[in-house]
Amino acid sequence: MDLAGRVTQPAGSSALTIQMVGSGRPGTSTAGWEYDYHGNLAYEWPNGSGQVPALIGSVLRAKPHAEAPAGYVASFVAVKQV
């Protein structure tokens, strides 16, 4: 899938928000798929040790594909590889 989107930071906030659209690639098993993502940077514990940056949020199936209807929502976690 190809991802396109933006990262925003609301005025007066240190929180980052991501909004992305995942589109299936033509000629692959994901052709015709479309998913909308909304997430935030996970909280960084001030006294934490070894914490890896992560995005947490939800994803919406924006278009139906195969037998899967649009509208399904799930959670996601994306962790930075170190």
Protein backbone atom coordinates (compact mmCIF):
# COMPACT_ATOMS: atom_id res chain seq x y z
CA MET A 1 0.00 0.00 0.00
CA ASP A 2 1.07 3.55 -0.64
CA LEU A 3 0.65 6.04 2.21
CA ALA A 4 0.14 9.79 1.87
CA GLY A 5 -0.80 12.24 4.57
CA ARG A 6 0.23 14.94 6.94
CA VAL A 7 1.49 15.55 10.45
CA THR A 8 -0.05 18.44 12.37
CA GLN A 9 0.52 20.04 15.75
CA PRO A 10 -2.44 21.92 17.19
CA ALA A 11 -1.64 25.46 18.36
CA GLY A 12 -0.48 25.53 21.97
CA SER A 13 0.02 21.77 22.11
CA SER A 14 3.07 19.53 22.02
CA ALA A 15 0.96 16.62 20.70
CA LEU A 16 1.49 15.51 17.10
CA THR A 17 -1.40 14.13 15.04
CA ILE A 18 -1.09 12.12 11.84
CA GLN A 19 -3.72 11.70 9.14
CA MET A 20 -2.96 9.33 6.27
CA VAL A 21 -4.67 7.54 3.42
CA GLY A 22 -3.41 4.11 2.45
CA SER A 23 -4.12 3.21 -1.18
CA GLY A 24 -3.65 -0.22 -2.68
CA ARG A 25 -1.15 -0.58 -5.49
CA PRO A 26 -2.41 -1.45 -8.98
CA GLY A 27 -1.40 -4.92 -10.09
CA THR A 28 -1.03 -6.22 -6.51
CA SER A 29 -3.36 -8.02 -4.12
CA THR A 30 -4.13 -4.64 -2.51
CA ALA A 31 -5.37 -2.98 -5.74
CA GLY A 32 -8.54 -0.96 -5.06
CA TRP A 33 -8.09 -0.87 -1.30
CA GLU A 34 -8.36 2.40 0.61
CA TYR A 35 -7.87 2.95 4.33
CA ASP A 36 -7.94 6.17 6.40
CA TYR A 37 -5.58 6.45 9.39
CA HIS A 38 -5.70 8.85 12.34
CA GLY A 39 -3.13 8.67 15.11
CA ASN A 40 -1.00 10.41 17.69
CA LEU A 41 2.53 10.10 18.98
CA ALA A 42 2.46 7.81 22.01
CA TYR A 43 3.11 9.39 25.40
CA GLU A 44 6.78 9.50 26.37
CA TRP A 45 7.26 8.66 30.03
CA PRO A 46 9.59 11.22 31.66
CA ASN A 47 11.36 8.56 33.73
CA GLY A 48 10.99 5.79 31.18
CA SER A 49 13.91 3.67 30.03
CA GLY A 50 14.30 2.27 26.52
CA GLN A 51 11.04 3.69 25.19
CA VAL A 52 10.79 3.54 21.40
CA PRO A 53 8.78 6.25 19.57
CA ALA A 54 5.39 4.93 18.43
CA LEU A 55 2.21 6.09 16.73
CA ILE A 56 -1.12 4.86 18.09
CA GLY A 57 -4.52 5.34 16.54
CA SER A 58 -7.34 3.89 14.50
CA VAL A 59 -7.85 2.93 10.89
CA LEU A 60 -11.06 2.92 8.84
CA ARG A 61 -11.70 0.75 5.78
CA ALA A 62 -12.80 3.56 3.45
CA LYS A 63 -13.72 1.40 0.42
CA PRO A 64 -15.08 -2.15 0.31
CA HIS A 65 -12.89 -4.88 -1.15
CA ALA A 66 -13.53 -8.56 -1.80
CA GLU A 67 -16.15 -9.56 0.79
CA ALA A 68 -15.07 -6.86 3.26
CA PRO A 69 -17.49 -3.90 3.54
CA ALA A 70 -16.40 -0.30 4.06
CA GLY A 71 -16.72 1.17 7.53
CA TYR A 72 -14.76 -1.36 9.57
CA VAL A 73 -12.55 0.30 12.23
CA ALA A 74 -9.51 -1.17 13.99
CA SER A 75 -6.68 0.08 16.20
CA PHE A 76 -3.08 0.30 15.05
CA VAL A 77 0.34 0.74 16.57
CA ALA A 78 3.35 1.75 14.46
CA VAL A 79 6.73 1.46 16.19
CA LYS A 80 9.98 3.06 15.02
CA GLN A 81 12.55 0.44 14.10
CA VAL A 82 15.83 1.04 15.87
